[in-house]
Amino acid sequence: MNDFKAPWSPSLKWMSWATTFVLCAGAIAFAVMKLYLVALLPPLVLLAAAPFTIRGYSIRGDLLVVHRLFWDTDLSLADLQAAEFDPCAMKRSWRTAGNGGLFSFTGYFSNKTLGDYRALVTHPAHSVILRFPTETVVVSPDSPQAFIQSILDRNQAP
């Protein structure tokens, strides 16, 4: 198995729905106040965040393919040093740049355990930490152990 889904955690679902509701309500309120240009901003936030939604992950030889809404992001696994499942990997993290819960947790984060890292996550409890010489990446496939095994098995394929 080389294809993995990206399930949404309950907190991601809740944050995405709540933020979408607030942004839509804000747009309507601004439109009622006849602030039409301002009313365009909340929908633009939704439109800007939605394409970065993570739909799944695939392992293709030495590539980890992160499937977004409209495109794929390729990460080379050639220099991968370690892969480990840690459901607490993102605990006590703060976002340094990126999206902290509108359709995904993507961008750059930091915490005391991992230091600075890149997140491509939809379910923090499914976190797999990928350690490279120059960066740490966290992903959240539906089956973390099978995902790690698939990464390890990629070098044994004929």
N, C-alpha and C. Protein backbone atom coordinates (compact mmCIF):
# COMPACT_ATOMS: atom_id res chain seq x y z
N MET A 1 0.84 -1.18 0.00
CA MET A 1 0.00 0.00 0.00
C MET A 1 0.87 1.24 0.00
N ASN A 2 0.74 2.08 -1.03
CA ASN A 2 1.55 3.28 -1.13
C ASN A 2 0.72 4.56 -1.15
N ASP A 3 -0.59 4.43 -1.06
CA ASP A 3 -1.47 5.59 -1.03
C ASP A 3 -2.18 5.64 0.31
N PHE A 4 -2.22 6.83 0.90
CA PHE A 4 -2.78 7.00 2.23
C PHE A 4 -3.71 8.20 2.24
N LYS A 5 -4.82 8.06 2.95
CA LYS A 5 -5.76 9.16 3.09
C LYS A 5 -5.25 10.13 4.16
N ALA A 6 -5.83 11.31 4.17
CA ALA A 6 -5.51 12.32 5.17
C ALA A 6 -6.78 12.65 5.95
N PRO A 7 -7.08 11.87 6.98
CA PRO A 7 -8.33 12.10 7.73
C PRO A 7 -8.27 13.41 8.51
N TRP A 8 -9.41 14.03 8.68
CA TRP A 8 -9.49 15.26 9.46
C TRP A 8 -9.77 14.91 10.93
N SER A 9 -9.04 15.54 11.82
CA SER A 9 -9.29 15.36 13.24
C SER A 9 -10.57 16.12 13.63
N PRO A 10 -11.19 15.73 14.74
CA PRO A 10 -12.37 16.48 15.20
C PRO A 10 -12.06 17.97 15.40
N SER A 11 -10.88 18.29 15.92
CA SER A 11 -10.55 19.71 16.13
C SER A 11 -10.41 20.45 14.81
N LEU A 12 -9.86 19.82 13.78
CA LEU A 12 -9.74 20.47 12.47
C LEU A 12 -11.13 20.69 11.87
N LYS A 13 -12.01 19.70 12.00
CA LYS A 13 -13.38 19.86 11.51
C LYS A 13 -14.06 21.03 12.22
N TRP A 14 -13.95 21.05 13.54
CA TRP A 14 -14.60 22.10 14.32
C TRP A 14 -14.03 23.47 13.96
N MET A 15 -12.71 23.61 13.91
CA MET A 15 -12.11 24.90 13.58
C MET A 15 -12.47 25.36 12.18
N SER A 16 -12.48 24.43 11.24
CA SER A 16 -12.81 24.79 9.86
C SER A 16 -14.26 25.25 9.73
N TRP A 17 -15.18 24.50 10.36
CA TRP A 17 -16.59 24.90 10.31
C TRP A 17 -16.81 26.22 11.02
N ALA A 18 -16.25 26.38 12.21
CA ALA A 18 -16.45 27.61 12.98
C ALA A 18 -15.86 28.82 12.25
N THR A 19 -14.68 28.68 11.70
CA THR A 19 -14.05 29.79 10.99
C THR A 19 -14.83 30.12 9.73
N THR A 20 -15.28 29.11 9.01
CA THR A 20 -16.08 29.34 7.81
C THR A 20 -17.37 30.10 8.18
N PHE A 21 -18.02 29.67 9.25
CA PHE A 21 -19.24 30.35 9.70
C PHE A 21 -18.97 31.81 10.05
N VAL A 22 -17.93 32.06 10.83
CA VAL A 22 -17.60 33.43 11.25
C VAL A 22 -17.26 34.30 10.03
N LEU A 23 -16.49 33.75 9.11
CA LEU A 23 -16.12 34.53 7.93
C LEU A 23 -17.35 34.82 7.05
N CYS A 24 -18.22 33.85 6.89
CA CYS A 24 -19.44 34.09 6.09
C CYS A 24 -20.36 35.09 6.79
N ALA A 25 -20.51 34.96 8.10
CA ALA A 25 -21.33 35.91 8.86
C ALA A 25 -20.74 37.31 8.77
N GLY A 26 -19.42 37.41 8.84
CA GLY A 26 -18.76 38.71 8.71
C GLY A 26 -18.99 39.32 7.34
N ALA A 27 -18.90 38.51 6.30
CA ALA A 27 -19.13 39.01 4.95
C ALA A 27 -20.56 39.54 4.81
N ILE A 28 -21.52 38.79 5.35
CA ILE A 28 -22.92 39.23 5.29
C ILE A 28 -23.12 40.53 6.07
N ALA A 29 -22.53 40.60 7.27
CA ALA A 29 -22.66 41.80 8.09
C ALA A 29 -22.06 43.02 7.38
N PHE A 30 -20.89 42.85 6.78
CA PHE A 30 -20.28 43.97 6.05
C PHE A 30 -21.12 44.38 4.85
N ALA A 31 -21.72 43.41 4.18
CA ALA A 31 -22.57 43.72 3.04
C ALA A 31 -23.82 44.48 3.49
N VAL A 32 -24.41 44.08 4.61
CA VAL A 32 -25.59 44.77 5.15
C VAL A 32 -25.23 46.21 5.50
N MET A 33 -24.01 46.43 5.99
CA MET A 33 -23.55 47.78 6.32
C MET A 33 -23.09 48.55 5.08
N LYS A 34 -23.26 47.93 3.94
CA LYS A 34 -22.87 48.51 2.65
C LYS A 34 -21.38 48.77 2.54
N LEU A 35 -20.60 47.93 3.22
CA LEU A 35 -19.14 47.97 3.10
C LEU A 35 -18.75 46.84 2.15
N TYR A 36 -19.09 47.02 0.90
CA TYR A 36 -18.99 45.94 -0.09
C TYR A 36 -17.56 45.47 -0.32
N LEU A 37 -16.62 46.40 -0.36
CA LEU A 37 -15.23 45.97 -0.57
C LEU A 37 -14.71 45.18 0.62
N VAL A 38 -15.07 45.60 1.81
CA VAL A 38 -14.66 44.87 3.02
C VAL A 38 -15.34 43.51 3.07
N ALA A 39 -16.59 43.45 2.58
CA ALA A 39 -17.34 42.18 2.58
C ALA A 39 -16.68 41.13 1.70
N LEU A 40 -15.84 41.54 0.78
CA LEU A 40 -15.14 40.58 -0.08
C LEU A 40 -13.98 39.90 0.65
N LEU A 41 -13.45 40.50 1.69
CA LEU A 41 -12.27 39.94 2.36
C LEU A 41 -12.51 38.57 3.01
N PRO A 42 -13.57 38.38 3.80
CA PRO A 42 -13.75 37.04 4.40
C PRO A 42 -13.83 35.90 3.38
N PRO A 43 -14.60 36.04 2.28
CA PRO A 43 -14.58 34.95 1.30
C PRO A 43 -13.21 34.75 0.66
N LEU A 44 -12.45 35.83 0.52
CA LEU A 44 -11.10 35.69 -0.04
C LEU A 44 -10.20 34.87 0.89
N VAL A 45 -10.39 35.02 2.19
CA VAL A 45 -9.62 34.20 3.15
C VAL A 45 -9.94 32.72 2.93
N LEU A 46 -11.22 32.39 2.79
CA LEU A 46 -11.61 31.00 2.54
C LEU A 46 -11.04 30.50 1.22
N LEU A 47 -11.13 31.32 0.20
CA LEU A 47 -10.62 30.92 -1.12
C LEU A 47 -9.10 30.77 -1.11
N ALA A 48 -8.42 31.53 -0.28
CA ALA A 48 -6.97 31.43 -0.20
C ALA A 48 -6.53 30.17 0.56
N ALA A 49 -7.29 29.78 1.58
CA ALA A 49 -6.91 28.62 2.41
C ALA A 49 -7.32 27.29 1.78
N ALA A 50 -8.45 27.25 1.11
CA ALA A 50 -9.00 25.99 0.60
C ALA A 50 -8.06 25.21 -0.31
N PRO A 51 -7.35 25.84 -1.24
CA PRO A 51 -6.48 25.04 -2.12
C PRO A 51 -5.36 24.28 -1.40
N PHE A 52 -5.01 24.72 -0.20
CA PHE A 52 -3.93 24.06 0.54
C PHE A 52 -4.41 22.85 1.34
N THR A 53 -5.70 22.55 1.24
CA THR A 53 -6.25 21.36 1.89
C THR A 53 -5.46 20.12 1.46
N ILE A 54 -5.15 19.28 2.42
CA ILE A 54 -4.41 18.04 2.13
C ILE A 54 -5.43 16.91 1.99
N ARG A 55 -5.40 16.24 0.85
CA ARG A 55 -6.34 15.15 0.57
C ARG A 55 -5.74 13.77 0.82
N GLY A 56 -4.41 13.67 0.80
CA GLY A 56 -3.78 12.37 1.01
C GLY A 56 -2.30 12.43 0.71
N TYR A 57 -1.68 11.25 0.84
CA TYR A 57 -0.24 11.11 0.65
C TYR A 57 0.02 9.85 -0.18
N SER A 58 1.06 9.91 -1.00
CA SER A 58 1.49 8.72 -1.76
C SER A 58 3.00 8.62 -1.68
N ILE A 59 3.48 7.37 -1.67
CA ILE A 59 4.92 7.13 -1.72
C ILE A 59 5.21 6.57 -3.10
N ARG A 60 6.02 7.27 -3.84
CA ARG A 60 6.38 6.91 -5.21
C ARG A 60 7.90 6.85 -5.30
N GLY A 61 8.47 5.70 -5.03
CA GLY A 61 9.93 5.57 -5.03
C GLY A 61 10.52 6.44 -3.94
N ASP A 62 11.39 7.38 -4.33
CA ASP A 62 12.01 8.28 -3.37
C ASP A 62 11.26 9.59 -3.21
N LEU A 63 9.98 9.60 -3.55
CA LEU A 63 9.17 10.80 -3.39
C LEU A 63 7.99 10.55 -2.46
N LEU A 64 7.75 11.50 -1.59
CA LEU A 64 6.50 11.56 -0.86
C LEU A 64 5.67 12.61 -1.58
N VAL A 65 4.52 12.20 -2.08
CA VAL A 65 3.63 13.10 -2.80
C VAL A 65 2.49 13.48 -1.85
N VAL A 66 2.37 14.77 -1.58
CA VAL A 66 1.29 15.29 -0.75
C VAL A 66 0.22 15.83 -1.70
N HIS A 67 -0.95 15.21 -1.68
CA HIS A 67 -2.02 15.60 -2.59
C HIS A 67 -2.83 16.73 -1.98
N ARG A 68 -2.80 17.87 -2.65
CA ARG A 68 -3.56 19.05 -2.24
C ARG A 68 -4.88 19.06 -3.01
N LEU A 69 -5.63 20.11 -2.87
CA LEU A 69 -6.92 20.19 -3.55
C LEU A 69 -6.75 20.26 -5.07
N PHE A 70 -5.80 21.06 -5.56
CA PHE A 70 -5.63 21.25 -7.00
C PHE A 70 -4.26 20.86 -7.53
N TRP A 71 -3.31 20.50 -6.67
CA TRP A 71 -1.97 20.16 -7.11
C TRP A 71 -1.34 19.22 -6.10
N ASP A 72 -0.17 18.73 -6.45
CA ASP A 72 0.60 17.86 -5.56
C ASP A 72 1.89 18.57 -5.15
N THR A 73 2.32 18.29 -3.93
CA THR A 73 3.59 18.78 -3.44
C THR A 73 4.51 17.58 -3.27
N ASP A 74 5.66 17.59 -3.94
CA ASP A 74 6.61 16.47 -3.88
C ASP A 74 7.71 16.77 -2.87
N LEU A 75 7.99 15.79 -2.02
CA LEU A 75 9.10 15.87 -1.07
C LEU A 75 10.02 14.68 -1.31
N SER A 76 11.28 14.97 -1.54
CA SER A 76 12.23 13.89 -1.77
C SER A 76 12.50 13.14 -0.47
N LEU A 77 12.49 11.83 -0.55
CA LEU A 77 12.81 10.98 0.60
C LEU A 77 14.24 10.46 0.53
N ALA A 78 15.00 10.90 -0.46
CA ALA A 78 16.34 10.37 -0.69
C ALA A 78 17.25 10.54 0.53
N ASP A 79 17.14 11.66 1.23
CA ASP A 79 18.01 11.93 2.39
C ASP A 79 17.33 11.65 3.73
N LEU A 80 16.20 10.95 3.70
CA LEU A 80 15.47 10.68 4.93
C LEU A 80 16.36 9.92 5.92
N GLN A 81 16.43 10.44 7.14
CA GLN A 81 17.24 9.80 8.18
C GLN A 81 16.42 8.95 9.13
N ALA A 82 15.18 9.37 9.38
CA ALA A 82 14.32 8.61 10.31
C ALA A 82 12.87 8.95 10.06
N ALA A 83 12.01 7.98 10.36
CA ALA A 83 10.56 8.17 10.31
C ALA A 83 9.98 7.52 11.54
N GLU A 84 9.19 8.28 12.29
CA GLU A 84 8.61 7.73 13.51
C GLU A 84 7.20 8.26 13.74
N PHE A 85 6.36 7.42 14.28
CA PHE A 85 4.99 7.78 14.64
C PHE A 85 5.00 8.37 16.03
N ASP A 86 4.42 9.55 16.19
CA ASP A 86 4.32 10.18 17.51
C ASP A 86 3.02 10.97 17.56
N PRO A 87 1.99 10.43 18.22
CA PRO A 87 0.71 11.12 18.27
C PRO A 87 0.77 12.45 19.03
N CYS A 88 1.84 12.69 19.75
CA CYS A 88 1.99 13.94 20.50
C CYS A 88 2.97 14.91 19.86
N ALA A 89 3.39 14.63 18.64
CA ALA A 89 4.44 15.42 17.98
C ALA A 89 4.11 16.91 17.92
N MET A 90 2.85 17.26 17.69
CA MET A 90 2.50 18.66 17.51
C MET A 90 2.01 19.35 18.79
N LYS A 91 2.03 18.62 19.90
CA LYS A 91 1.59 19.22 21.17
C LYS A 91 2.46 20.42 21.52
N ARG A 92 1.81 21.42 22.05
CA ARG A 92 2.47 22.64 22.51
C ARG A 92 3.28 23.32 21.40
N SER A 93 2.80 23.20 20.17
CA SER A 93 3.46 23.86 19.05
C SER A 93 2.88 25.25 18.84
N TRP A 94 3.70 26.11 18.32
CA TRP A 94 3.20 27.41 17.89
C TRP A 94 3.55 27.58 16.43
N ARG A 95 2.66 28.24 15.73
CA ARG A 95 2.82 28.45 14.30
C ARG A 95 3.76 29.63 14.09
N THR A 96 4.77 29.44 13.27
CA THR A 96 5.66 30.54 12.93
C THR A 96 5.31 31.13 11.57
N ALA A 97 4.73 30.33 10.68
CA ALA A 97 4.24 30.81 9.38
C ALA A 97 3.34 29.73 8.80
N GLY A 98 2.14 30.09 8.40
CA GLY A 98 1.27 29.10 7.78
C GLY A 98 -0.13 29.14 8.32
N ASN A 99 -0.82 28.03 8.16
CA ASN A 99 -2.23 27.88 8.47
C ASN A 99 -2.38 26.98 9.70
N GLY A 100 -3.02 27.49 10.72
CA GLY A 100 -3.15 26.73 11.96
C GLY A 100 -4.49 26.09 12.19
N GLY A 101 -5.23 25.75 11.13
CA GLY A 101 -6.46 25.01 11.36
C GLY A 101 -7.62 25.32 10.45
N LEU A 102 -7.42 26.05 9.38
CA LEU A 102 -8.50 26.27 8.42
C LEU A 102 -8.26 25.30 7.26
N PHE A 103 -8.92 24.16 7.30
CA PHE A 103 -8.84 23.07 6.32
C PHE A 103 -7.57 22.23 6.44
N SER A 104 -6.58 22.65 7.20
CA SER A 104 -5.36 21.86 7.44
C SER A 104 -4.46 22.60 8.41
N PHE A 105 -3.45 21.89 8.89
CA PHE A 105 -2.37 22.52 9.65
C PHE A 105 -1.16 22.45 8.74
N THR A 106 -0.89 23.53 8.04
CA THR A 106 0.21 23.53 7.08
C THR A 106 1.08 24.75 7.28
N GLY A 107 2.36 24.54 7.07
CA GLY A 107 3.30 25.64 7.20
C GLY A 107 4.39 25.27 8.17
N TYR A 108 4.91 26.28 8.83
CA TYR A 108 6.04 26.09 9.73
C TYR A 108 5.61 26.32 11.17
N PHE A 109 6.00 25.38 12.01
CA PHE A 109 5.65 25.38 13.42
C PHE A 109 6.91 25.13 14.24
N SER A 110 6.78 25.27 15.55
CA SER A 110 7.91 25.00 16.42
C SER A 110 7.39 24.54 17.78
N ASN A 111 8.14 23.63 18.40
CA ASN A 111 7.88 23.25 19.79
C ASN A 111 9.20 22.78 20.40
N LYS A 112 9.19 22.55 21.70
CA LYS A 112 10.44 22.18 22.38
C LYS A 112 10.96 20.81 21.96
N THR A 113 10.06 19.89 21.63
CA THR A 113 10.47 18.53 21.28
C THR A 113 11.11 18.46 19.89
N LEU A 114 10.46 19.05 18.89
CA LEU A 114 10.93 18.95 17.51
C LEU A 114 11.77 20.13 17.07
N GLY A 115 11.68 21.23 17.78
CA GLY A 115 12.29 22.47 17.29
C GLY A 115 11.45 23.00 16.15
N ASP A 116 12.07 23.61 15.16
CA ASP A 116 11.34 24.12 13.99
C ASP A 116 11.02 22.95 13.06
N TYR A 117 9.79 22.92 12.55
CA TYR A 117 9.40 21.85 11.64
C TYR A 117 8.34 22.34 10.67
N ARG A 118 8.19 21.60 9.58
CA ARG A 118 7.16 21.87 8.58
C ARG A 118 6.03 20.88 8.79
N ALA A 119 4.81 21.37 8.82
CA ALA A 119 3.65 20.51 9.01
C ALA A 119 2.82 20.45 7.74
N LEU A 120 2.40 19.25 7.39
CA LEU A 120 1.46 18.98 6.30
C LEU A 120 0.44 18.00 6.88
N VAL A 121 -0.39 18.49 7.80
CA VAL A 121 -1.14 17.66 8.73
C VAL A 121 -2.64 17.98 8.67
N THR A 122 -3.45 16.93 8.83
CA THR A 122 -4.89 17.08 9.00
C THR A 122 -5.38 16.43 10.30
N HIS A 123 -4.57 15.57 10.88
CA HIS A 123 -4.96 14.88 12.12
C HIS A 123 -3.71 14.72 12.99
N PRO A 124 -3.48 15.67 13.93
CA PRO A 124 -2.25 15.63 14.73
C PRO A 124 -2.01 14.31 15.46
N ALA A 125 -3.06 13.59 15.84
CA ALA A 125 -2.87 12.32 16.55
C ALA A 125 -2.30 11.22 15.64
N HIS A 126 -2.25 11.46 14.34
CA HIS A 126 -1.68 10.50 13.37
C HIS A 126 -0.30 10.96 12.90
N SER A 127 0.34 11.84 13.65
CA SER A 127 1.59 12.46 13.21
C SER A 127 2.72 11.47 13.00
N VAL A 128 3.33 11.56 11.83
CA VAL A 128 4.55 10.83 11.51
C VAL A 128 5.64 11.89 11.30
N ILE A 129 6.72 11.75 12.04
CA ILE A 129 7.82 12.70 11.96
C ILE A 129 8.84 12.16 10.97
N LEU A 130 9.15 12.95 9.97
CA LEU A 130 10.17 12.60 8.97
C LEU A 130 11.36 13.52 9.21
N ARG A 131 12.50 12.91 9.54
CA ARG A 131 13.70 13.71 9.84
C ARG A 131 14.67 13.65 8.67
N PHE A 132 15.04 14.84 8.21
CA PHE A 132 16.00 15.01 7.13
C PHE A 132 17.19 15.79 7.68
N PRO A 133 18.33 15.79 6.98
CA PRO A 133 19.49 16.53 7.49
C PRO A 133 19.22 18.02 7.71
N THR A 134 18.39 18.61 6.88
CA THR A 134 18.18 20.07 6.96
C THR A 134 16.81 20.48 7.48
N GLU A 135 15.87 19.54 7.63
CA GLU A 135 14.55 19.90 8.13
C GLU A 135 13.82 18.70 8.71
N THR A 136 12.79 19.01 9.46
CA THR A 136 11.88 18.00 10.00
C THR A 136 10.50 18.30 9.42
N VAL A 137 9.84 17.23 8.95
CA VAL A 137 8.51 17.37 8.36
C VAL A 137 7.56 16.45 9.11
N VAL A 138 6.36 16.94 9.39
CA VAL A 138 5.34 16.13 10.05
C VAL A 138 4.16 15.99 9.10
N VAL A 139 3.71 14.75 8.90
CA VAL A 139 2.55 14.44 8.07
C VAL A 139 1.58 13.60 8.91
N SER A 140 0.37 13.39 8.41
CA SER A 140 -0.61 12.63 9.20
C SER A 140 -1.44 11.68 8.33
N PRO A 141 -0.84 10.60 7.87
CA PRO A 141 -1.59 9.62 7.08
C PRO A 141 -2.59 8.86 7.95
N ASP A 142 -3.58 8.26 7.29
CA ASP A 142 -4.61 7.52 8.02
C ASP A 142 -4.07 6.32 8.77
N SER A 143 -3.00 5.72 8.28
CA SER A 143 -2.40 4.56 8.93
C SER A 143 -0.91 4.82 9.12
N PRO A 144 -0.54 5.47 10.23
CA PRO A 144 0.85 5.86 10.42
C PRO A 144 1.86 4.72 10.35
N GLN A 145 1.56 3.58 10.95
CA GLN A 145 2.52 2.46 10.95
C GLN A 145 2.70 1.90 9.54
N ALA A 146 1.61 1.75 8.80
CA ALA A 146 1.70 1.25 7.42
C ALA A 146 2.44 2.26 6.54
N PHE A 147 2.25 3.54 6.80
CA PHE A 147 2.95 4.59 6.07
C PHE A 147 4.46 4.48 6.29
N ILE A 148 4.86 4.32 7.54
CA ILE A 148 6.29 4.18 7.85
C ILE A 148 6.84 2.92 7.20
N GLN A 149 6.10 1.84 7.27
CA GLN A 149 6.56 0.59 6.65
C GLN A 149 6.71 0.76 5.14
N SER A 150 5.79 1.48 4.53
CA SER A 150 5.87 1.74 3.09
C SER A 150 7.11 2.55 2.75
N ILE A 151 7.46 3.49 3.58
CA ILE A 151 8.69 4.28 3.37
C ILE A 151 9.91 3.38 3.49
N LEU A 152 9.92 2.52 4.50
CA LEU A 152 11.06 1.62 4.70
C LEU A 152 11.17 0.60 3.57
N ASP A 153 10.02 0.12 3.07
CA ASP A 153 10.02 -0.88 2.00
C ASP A 153 10.38 -0.31 0.65
N ARG A 154 10.33 0.99 0.48
CA ARG A 154 10.63 1.57 -0.83
C ARG A 154 12.05 1.26 -1.29
N ASN A 155 12.95 1.08 -0.35
CA ASN A 155 14.34 0.76 -0.70
C ASN A 155 14.55 -0.71 -1.05
N GLN A 156 13.56 -1.54 -0.71
CA GLN A 156 13.70 -2.95 -1.00
C GLN A 156 12.99 -3.39 -2.27
N ALA A 157 12.29 -2.46 -2.89
CA ALA A 157 11.59 -2.81 -4.14
C ALA A 157 12.60 -3.08 -5.24
N PRO A 158 12.33 -4.07 -6.11
CA PRO A 158 13.30 -4.41 -7.16
C PRO A 158 13.40 -3.31 -8.20
